Each structure stands twice: as structure tokens, then as C-alpha cells.
Amino acid sequence: MIDEISAGGIVFFKNSILMLKKFNGDWVLPKGRVEENESLKETALREVYEETKAKATPIKYLGKISYEFSRTCYFDK
């Protein structure tokens, strides 16, 4: 199991929520890993900007989600 801390944001714009479509077709919110000496708020703002180019303003902390994942990669030959 991999222990990792990530942060992200829900971006509201004109009564809509901004979602990102991944290469596999899944829809996700912008998020990413916390870098060294970076707060959760700083990470959320950086990730939202890096992934969407949106300059966001934090409104409030919404909570914490815990989940597990693996980094198994499959390659076609």
C-alpha cells in the first residue's frame, strides 16, 4: 500500500462544477500530491491552476477522504 497525501478543489463557475476527463474516460476533480513544505491549501490552489489554468479563491475546507490504490502498470506488446 502507498501512503500519500493529496489535495484538490471543487471549482464552481456559472452554476457548474469543473471536472477533468482522464485518458481512460473517467471524470475527476483536480488534485495532486502535497509537495515538501506545502500546505493543503497551497497544494489545492497549485493543482487547480496546473490542471485547469483557473486562478481559484478558496472558500472553505470541505473535508478529508481516505482511499487506497496501487500503481500497477500494464503495457501492451
PDB file of N, CA and C in Angstrom:
ATOM      1  N   MET A   1       0.846  -1.185   0.000  1.00  0.00           N
ATOM      2  CA  MET A   1       0.000   0.000   0.000  1.00  0.00           C
ATOM      3  C   MET A   1       0.886   1.240   0.000  1.00  0.00           C
ATOM      4  N   ILE A   2       0.431   2.271  -0.653  1.00  0.00           N
ATOM      5  CA  ILE A   2       1.174   3.521  -0.773  1.00  0.00           C
ATOM      6  C   ILE A   2       0.510   4.576   0.100  1.00  0.00           C
ATOM      7  N   ASP A   3       1.278   5.201   1.000  1.00  0.00           N
ATOM      8  CA  ASP A   3       0.760   6.313   1.797  1.00  0.00           C
ATOM      9  C   ASP A   3       1.121   7.612   1.101  1.00  0.00           C
ATOM     10  N   GLU A   4       0.136   8.416   0.847  1.00  0.00           N
ATOM     11  CA  GLU A   4       0.344   9.660   0.118  1.00  0.00           C
ATOM     12  C   GLU A   4      -0.718  10.658   0.556  1.00  0.00           C
ATOM     13  N   ILE A   5      -0.356  11.923   0.605  1.00  0.00           N
ATOM     14  CA  ILE A   5      -1.321  12.974   0.927  1.00  0.00           C
ATOM     15  C   ILE A   5      -1.508  13.831  -0.311  1.00  0.00           C
ATOM     16  N   SER A   6      -2.762  14.022  -0.689  1.00  0.00           N
ATOM     17  CA  SER A   6      -3.108  14.840  -1.847  1.00  0.00           C
ATOM     18  C   SER A   6      -4.084  15.925  -1.421  1.00  0.00           C
ATOM     19  N   ALA A   7      -4.217  16.926  -2.249  1.00  0.00           N
ATOM     20  CA  ALA A   7      -5.205  17.981  -2.025  1.00  0.00           C
ATOM     21  C   ALA A   7      -5.719  18.439  -3.381  1.00  0.00           C
ATOM     22  N   GLY A   8      -6.919  18.944  -3.391  1.00  0.00           N
ATOM     23  CA  GLY A   8      -7.515  19.418  -4.632  1.00  0.00           C
ATOM     24  C   GLY A   8      -8.656  20.350  -4.331  1.00  0.00           C
ATOM     25  N   GLY A   9      -9.441  20.617  -5.357  1.00  0.00           N
ATOM     26  CA  GLY A   9     -10.525  21.553  -5.160  1.00  0.00           C
ATOM     27  C   GLY A   9     -11.722  21.273  -6.041  1.00  0.00           C
ATOM     28  N   ILE A  10     -12.841  21.799  -5.621  1.00  0.00           N
ATOM     29  CA  ILE A  10     -14.054  21.793  -6.429  1.00  0.00           C
ATOM     30  C   ILE A  10     -14.189  23.203  -6.977  1.00  0.00           C
ATOM     31  N   VAL A  11     -14.143  23.341  -8.289  1.00  0.00           N
ATOM     32  CA  VAL A  11     -14.172  24.655  -8.928  1.00  0.00           C
ATOM     33  C   VAL A  11     -15.582  24.921  -9.443  1.00  0.00           C
ATOM     34  N   PHE A  12     -16.228  25.951  -8.881  1.00  0.00           N
ATOM     35  CA  PHE A  12     -17.560  26.368  -9.310  1.00  0.00           C
ATOM     36  C   PHE A  12     -17.423  27.525 -10.290  1.00  0.00           C
ATOM     37  N   PHE A  13     -18.171  27.469 -11.402  1.00  0.00           N
ATOM     38  CA  PHE A  13     -18.160  28.551 -12.383  1.00  0.00           C
ATOM     39  C   PHE A  13     -19.516  28.594 -13.068  1.00  0.00           C
ATOM     40  N   LYS A  14     -20.224  29.704 -12.926  1.00  0.00           N
ATOM     41  CA  LYS A  14     -21.537  29.888 -13.557  1.00  0.00           C
ATOM     42  C   LYS A  14     -22.467  28.697 -13.314  1.00  0.00           C
ATOM     43  N   ASN A  15     -22.688  28.359 -12.058  1.00  0.00           N
ATOM     44  CA  ASN A  15     -23.583  27.268 -11.655  1.00  0.00           C
ATOM     45  C   ASN A  15     -23.160  25.897 -12.170  1.00  0.00           C
ATOM     46  N   SER A  16     -21.885  25.736 -12.487  1.00  0.00           N
ATOM     47  CA  SER A  16     -21.353  24.451 -12.936  1.00  0.00           C
ATOM     48  C   SER A  16     -20.138  24.083 -12.093  1.00  0.00           C
ATOM     49  N   ILE A  17     -19.816  22.805 -12.080  1.00  0.00           N
ATOM     50  CA  ILE A  17     -18.612  22.314 -11.416  1.00  0.00           C
ATOM     51  C   ILE A  17     -17.646  21.850 -12.491  1.00  0.00           C
ATOM     52  N   LEU A  18     -16.411  22.305 -12.405  1.00  0.00           N
ATOM     53  CA  LEU A  18     -15.385  21.937 -13.375  1.00  0.00           C
ATOM     54  C   LEU A  18     -14.871  20.535 -13.073  1.00  0.00           C
ATOM     55  N   MET A  19     -14.935  19.651 -14.060  1.00  0.00           N
ATOM     56  CA  MET A  19     -14.420  18.285 -13.938  1.00  0.00           C
ATOM     57  C   MET A  19     -13.400  18.066 -15.050  1.00  0.00           C
ATOM     58  N   LEU A  20     -12.468  17.152 -14.807  1.00  0.00           N
ATOM     59  CA  LEU A  20     -11.442  16.820 -15.790  1.00  0.00           C
ATOM     60  C   LEU A  20     -11.688  15.405 -16.298  1.00  0.00           C
ATOM     61  N   LYS A  21     -11.537  15.203 -17.611  1.00  0.00           N
ATOM     62  CA  LYS A  21     -11.716  13.873 -18.188  1.00  0.00           C
ATOM     63  C   LYS A  21     -10.353  13.228 -18.370  1.00  0.00           C
ATOM     64  N   LYS A  22     -10.144  12.089 -17.712  1.00  0.00           N
ATOM     65  CA  LYS A  22      -8.873  11.373 -17.797  1.00  0.00           C
ATOM     66  C   LYS A  22      -8.795  10.594 -19.111  1.00  0.00           C
ATOM     67  N   PHE A  23      -7.594  10.122 -19.421  1.00  0.00           N
ATOM     68  CA  PHE A  23      -7.363   9.385 -20.660  1.00  0.00           C
ATOM     69  C   PHE A  23      -8.242   8.135 -20.770  1.00  0.00           C
ATOM     70  N   ASN A  24      -8.624   7.557 -19.638  1.00  0.00           N
ATOM     71  CA  ASN A  24      -9.448   6.341 -19.657  1.00  0.00           C
ATOM     72  C   ASN A  24     -10.950   6.641 -19.667  1.00  0.00           C
ATOM     73  N   GLY A  25     -11.301   7.933 -19.714  1.00  0.00           N
ATOM     74  CA  GLY A  25     -12.703   8.326 -19.767  1.00  0.00           C
ATOM     75  C   GLY A  25     -13.322   8.678 -18.426  1.00  0.00           C
ATOM     76  N   ASP A  26     -12.612   8.425 -17.328  1.00  0.00           N
ATOM     77  CA  ASP A  26     -13.127   8.786 -16.002  1.00  0.00           C
ATOM     78  C   ASP A  26     -13.143  10.302 -15.830  1.00  0.00           C
ATOM     79  N   TRP A  27     -14.121  10.800 -15.071  1.00  0.00           N
ATOM     80  CA  TRP A  27     -14.205  12.218 -14.731  1.00  0.00           C
ATOM     81  C   TRP A  27     -13.732  12.399 -13.297  1.00  0.00           C
ATOM     82  N   VAL A  28     -12.850  13.381 -13.076  1.00  0.00           N
ATOM     83  CA  VAL A  28     -12.256  13.602 -11.753  1.00  0.00           C
ATOM     84  C   VAL A  28     -12.201  15.091 -11.438  1.00  0.00           C
ATOM     85  N   LEU A  29     -12.012  15.392 -10.165  1.00  0.00           N
ATOM     86  CA  LEU A  29     -11.746  16.765  -9.729  1.00  0.00           C
ATOM     87  C   LEU A  29     -10.238  16.995  -9.776  1.00  0.00           C
ATOM     88  N   PRO A  30      -9.794  18.240  -9.970  1.00  0.00           N
ATOM     89  CA  PRO A  30      -8.350  18.500  -9.965  1.00  0.00           C
ATOM     90  C   PRO A  30      -7.757  18.270  -8.578  1.00  0.00           C
ATOM     91  N   LYS A  31      -6.674  17.502  -8.523  1.00  0.00           N
ATOM     92  CA  LYS A  31      -5.989  17.234  -7.255  1.00  0.00           C
ATOM     93  C   LYS A  31      -4.597  16.710  -7.549  1.00  0.00           C
ATOM     94  N   GLY A  32      -3.767  16.691  -6.524  1.00  0.00           N
ATOM     95  CA  GLY A  32      -2.425  16.156  -6.682  1.00  0.00           C
ATOM     96  C   GLY A  32      -1.704  16.075  -5.359  1.00  0.00           C
ATOM     97  N   ARG A  33      -0.489  15.555  -5.419  1.00  0.00           N
ATOM     98  CA  ARG A  33       0.310  15.331  -4.210  1.00  0.00           C
ATOM     99  C   ARG A  33       0.790  16.620  -3.567  1.00  0.00           C
ATOM    100  N   VAL A  34       0.816  16.596  -2.248  1.00  0.00           N
ATOM    101  CA  VAL A  34       1.375  17.703  -1.478  1.00  0.00           C
ATOM    102  C   VAL A  34       2.893  17.645  -1.612  1.00  0.00           C
ATOM    103  N   GLU A  35       3.487  18.764  -2.003  1.00  0.00           N
ATOM    104  CA  GLU A  35       4.940  18.840  -2.112  1.00  0.00           C
ATOM    105  C   GLU A  35       5.541  19.218  -0.760  1.00  0.00           C
ATOM    106  N   GLU A  36       6.838  18.987  -0.613  1.00  0.00           N
ATOM    107  CA  GLU A  36       7.526  19.266   0.643  1.00  0.00           C
ATOM    108  C   GLU A  36       7.318  20.721   1.070  1.00  0.00           C
ATOM    109  N   ASN A  37       7.025  20.927   2.339  1.00  0.00           N
ATOM    110  CA  ASN A  37       6.813  22.257   2.938  1.00  0.00           C
ATOM    111  C   ASN A  37       5.632  23.016   2.329  1.00  0.00           C
ATOM    112  N   GLU A  38       4.648  22.311   1.798  1.00  0.00           N
ATOM    113  CA  GLU A  38       3.487  22.946   1.176  1.00  0.00           C
ATOM    114  C   GLU A  38       2.253  22.616   2.017  1.00  0.00           C
ATOM    115  N   SER A  39       1.396  23.605   2.236  1.00  0.00           N
ATOM    116  CA  SER A  39       0.158  23.367   2.985  1.00  0.00           C
ATOM    117  C   SER A  39      -0.880  22.716   2.069  1.00  0.00           C
ATOM    118  N   LEU A  40      -1.927  22.168   2.671  1.00  0.00           N
ATOM    119  CA  LEU A  40      -3.011  21.592   1.874  1.00  0.00           C
ATOM    120  C   LEU A  40      -3.660  22.652   0.993  1.00  0.00           C
ATOM    121  N   LYS A  41      -3.846  23.858   1.535  1.00  0.00           N
ATOM    122  CA  LYS A  41      -4.442  24.947   0.756  1.00  0.00           C
ATOM    123  C   LYS A  41      -3.552  25.317  -0.427  1.00  0.00           C
ATOM    124  N   GLU A  42      -2.244  25.425  -0.191  1.00  0.00           N
ATOM    125  CA  GLU A  42      -1.311  25.750  -1.281  1.00  0.00           C
ATOM    126  C   GLU A  42      -1.325  24.664  -2.356  1.00  0.00           C
ATOM    127  N   THR A  43      -1.378  23.410  -1.921  1.00  0.00           N
ATOM    128  CA  THR A  43      -1.437  22.300  -2.879  1.00  0.00           C
ATOM    129  C   THR A  43      -2.708  22.365  -3.703  1.00  0.00           C
ATOM    130  N   ALA A  44      -3.834  22.571  -3.050  1.00  0.00           N
ATOM    131  CA  ALA A  44      -5.111  22.634  -3.762  1.00  0.00           C
ATOM    132  C   ALA A  44      -5.096  23.738  -4.810  1.00  0.00           C
ATOM    133  N   LEU A  45      -4.634  24.924  -4.436  1.00  0.00           N
ATOM    134  CA  LEU A  45      -4.584  26.041  -5.386  1.00  0.00           C
ATOM    135  C   LEU A  45      -3.622  25.753  -6.540  1.00  0.00           C
ATOM    136  N   ARG A  46      -2.455  25.185  -6.232  1.00  0.00           N
ATOM    137  CA  ARG A  46      -1.466  24.869  -7.269  1.00  0.00           C
ATOM    138  C   ARG A  46      -2.012  23.824  -8.237  1.00  0.00           C
ATOM    139  N   GLU A  47      -2.598  22.760  -7.704  1.00  0.00           N
ATOM    140  CA  GLU A  47      -3.115  21.691  -8.557  1.00  0.00           C
ATOM    141  C   GLU A  47      -4.273  22.170  -9.430  1.00  0.00           C
ATOM    142  N   VAL A  48      -5.176  22.955  -8.856  1.00  0.00           N
ATOM    143  CA  VAL A  48      -6.277  23.502  -9.660  1.00  0.00           C
ATOM    144  C   VAL A  48      -5.710  24.329 -10.804  1.00  0.00           C
ATOM    145  N   TYR A  49      -4.719  25.164 -10.515  1.00  0.00           N
ATOM    146  CA  TYR A  49      -4.139  26.001 -11.568  1.00  0.00           C
ATOM    147  C   TYR A  49      -3.371  25.163 -12.597  1.00  0.00           C
ATOM    148  N   GLU A  50      -2.534  24.234 -12.135  1.00  0.00           N
ATOM    149  CA  GLU A  50      -1.743  23.417 -13.064  1.00  0.00           C
ATOM    150  C   GLU A  50      -2.624  22.603 -14.006  1.00  0.00           C
ATOM    151  N   GLU A  51      -3.724  22.085 -13.496  1.00  0.00           N
ATOM    152  CA  GLU A  51      -4.562  21.193 -14.290  1.00  0.00           C
ATOM    153  C   GLU A  51      -5.648  21.904 -15.088  1.00  0.00           C
ATOM    154  N   THR A  52      -5.991  23.146 -14.706  1.00  0.00           N
ATOM    155  CA  THR A  52      -7.099  23.834 -15.380  1.00  0.00           C
ATOM    156  C   THR A  52      -6.774  25.248 -15.842  1.00  0.00           C
ATOM    157  N   LYS A  53      -5.695  25.823 -15.333  1.00  0.00           N
ATOM    158  CA  LYS A  53      -5.316  27.231 -15.546  1.00  0.00           C
ATOM    159  C   LYS A  53      -6.310  28.194 -14.902  1.00  0.00           C
ATOM    160  N   ALA A  54      -7.178  27.679 -14.019  1.00  0.00           N
ATOM    161  CA  ALA A  54      -8.121  28.530 -13.284  1.00  0.00           C
ATOM    162  C   ALA A  54      -7.420  29.107 -12.057  1.00  0.00           C
ATOM    163  N   LYS A  55      -7.536  30.412 -11.862  1.00  0.00           N
ATOM    164  CA  LYS A  55      -7.000  31.067 -10.668  1.00  0.00           C
ATOM    165  C   LYS A  55      -8.122  31.105  -9.638  1.00  0.00           C
ATOM    166  N   ALA A  56      -8.084  30.152  -8.727  1.00  0.00           N
ATOM    167  CA  ALA A  56      -9.181  29.954  -7.780  1.00  0.00           C
ATOM    168  C   ALA A  56      -8.966  30.720  -6.486  1.00  0.00           C
ATOM    169  N   THR A  57     -10.057  30.929  -5.782  1.00  0.00           N
ATOM    170  CA  THR A  57     -10.041  31.519  -4.446  1.00  0.00           C
ATOM    171  C   THR A  57     -10.685  30.516  -3.499  1.00  0.00           C
ATOM    172  N   PRO A  58      -9.967  30.093  -2.459  1.00  0.00           N
ATOM    173  CA  PRO A  58     -10.551  29.122  -1.526  1.00  0.00           C
ATOM    174  C   PRO A  58     -11.749  29.716  -0.788  1.00  0.00           C
ATOM    175  N   ILE A  59     -12.803  28.924  -0.645  1.00  0.00           N
ATOM    176  CA  ILE A  59     -13.982  29.353   0.099  1.00  0.00           C
ATOM    177  C   ILE A  59     -13.986  28.699   1.477  1.00  0.00           C
ATOM    178  N   LYS A  60     -13.855  27.362   1.496  1.00  0.00           N
ATOM    179  CA  LYS A  60     -13.787  26.671   2.782  1.00  0.00           C
ATOM    180  C   LYS A  60     -13.256  25.258   2.585  1.00  0.00           C
ATOM    181  N   TYR A  61     -12.765  24.703   3.677  1.00  0.00           N
ATOM    182  CA  TYR A  61     -12.294  23.320   3.713  1.00  0.00           C
ATOM    183  C   TYR A  61     -13.516  22.417   3.768  1.00  0.00           C
ATOM    184  N   LEU A  62     -13.585  21.429   2.875  1.00  0.00           N
ATOM    185  CA  LEU A  62     -14.764  20.566   2.821  1.00  0.00           C
ATOM    186  C   LEU A  62     -14.602  19.239   3.543  1.00  0.00           C
ATOM    187  N   GLY A  63     -13.389  18.785   3.735  1.00  0.00           N
ATOM    188  CA  GLY A  63     -13.218  17.531   4.449  1.00  0.00           C
ATOM    189  C   GLY A  63     -12.088  16.689   3.915  1.00  0.00           C
ATOM    190  N   LYS A  64     -12.050  15.464   4.406  1.00  0.00           N
ATOM    191  CA  LYS A  64     -10.963  14.535   4.114  1.00  0.00           C
ATOM    192  C   LYS A  64     -11.547  13.235   3.575  1.00  0.00           C
ATOM    193  N   ILE A  65     -10.904  12.676   2.566  1.00  0.00           N
ATOM    194  CA  ILE A  65     -11.295  11.389   2.005  1.00  0.00           C
ATOM    195  C   ILE A  65     -10.074  10.479   2.056  1.00  0.00           C
ATOM    196  N   SER A  66     -10.244   9.274   2.548  1.00  0.00           N
ATOM    197  CA  SER A  66      -9.161   8.294   2.564  1.00  0.00           C
ATOM    198  C   SER A  66      -9.490   7.187   1.569  1.00  0.00           C
ATOM    199  N   TYR A  67      -8.503   6.758   0.814  1.00  0.00           N
ATOM    200  CA  TYR A  67      -8.706   5.674  -0.137  1.00  0.00           C
ATOM    201  C   TYR A  67      -7.380   4.970  -0.371  1.00  0.00           C
ATOM    202  N   GLU A  68      -7.444   3.787  -0.952  1.00  0.00           N
ATOM    203  CA  GLU A  68      -6.252   3.015  -1.267  1.00  0.00           C
ATOM    204  C   GLU A  68      -6.172   2.823  -2.774  1.00  0.00           C
ATOM    205  N   PHE A  69      -4.952   2.765  -3.277  1.00  0.00           N
ATOM    206  CA  PHE A  69      -4.744   2.489  -4.690  1.00  0.00           C
ATOM    207  C   PHE A  69      -3.387   1.837  -4.861  1.00  0.00           C
ATOM    208  N   SER A  70      -3.178   1.241  -6.017  1.00  0.00           N
ATOM    209  CA  SER A  70      -1.872   0.657  -6.327  1.00  0.00           C
ATOM    210  C   SER A  70      -1.386   1.273  -7.629  1.00  0.00           C
ATOM    211  N   ARG A  71      -0.110   1.199  -7.826  1.00  0.00           N
ATOM    212  CA  ARG A  71       0.475   1.757  -9.048  1.00  0.00           C
ATOM    213  C   ARG A  71       0.941   0.637  -9.965  1.00  0.00           C
ATOM    214  N   THR A  72       0.049  -0.233 -10.310  1.00  0.00           N
ATOM    215  CA  THR A  72       0.374  -1.317 -11.223  1.00  0.00           C
ATOM    216  C   THR A  72       0.186  -0.813 -12.644  1.00  0.00           C
ATOM    217  N   CYS A  73       1.186  -1.005 -13.463  1.00  0.00           N
ATOM    218  CA  CYS A  73       1.118  -0.574 -14.860  1.00  0.00           C
ATOM    219  C   CYS A  73       1.102  -1.798 -15.765  1.00  0.00           C
ATOM    220  N   TYR A  74       0.277  -1.753 -16.773  1.00  0.00           N
ATOM    221  CA  TYR A  74       0.203  -2.825 -17.754  1.00  0.00           C
ATOM    222  C   TYR A  74       0.575  -2.253 -19.113  1.00  0.00           C
ATOM    223  N   PHE A  75       1.424  -2.956 -19.819  1.00  0.00           N
ATOM    224  CA  PHE A  75       1.871  -2.497 -21.127  1.00  0.00           C
ATOM    225  C   PHE A  75       1.500  -3.524 -22.185  1.00  0.00           C
ATOM    226  N   ASP A  76       0.982  -3.061 -23.305  1.00  0.00           N
ATOM    227  CA  ASP A  76       0.698  -3.940 -24.442  1.00  0.00           C
ATOM    228  C   ASP A  76       1.959  -4.088 -25.264  1.00  0.00           C
ATOM    229  N   LYS A  77       2.207  -5.296 -25.739  1.00  0.00           N
ATOM    230  CA  LYS A  77       3.381  -5.522 -26.599  1.00  0.00           C
ATOM    231  C   LYS A  77       2.950  -5.641 -28.035  1.00  0.00           C
TER     232      LYS A  77
END
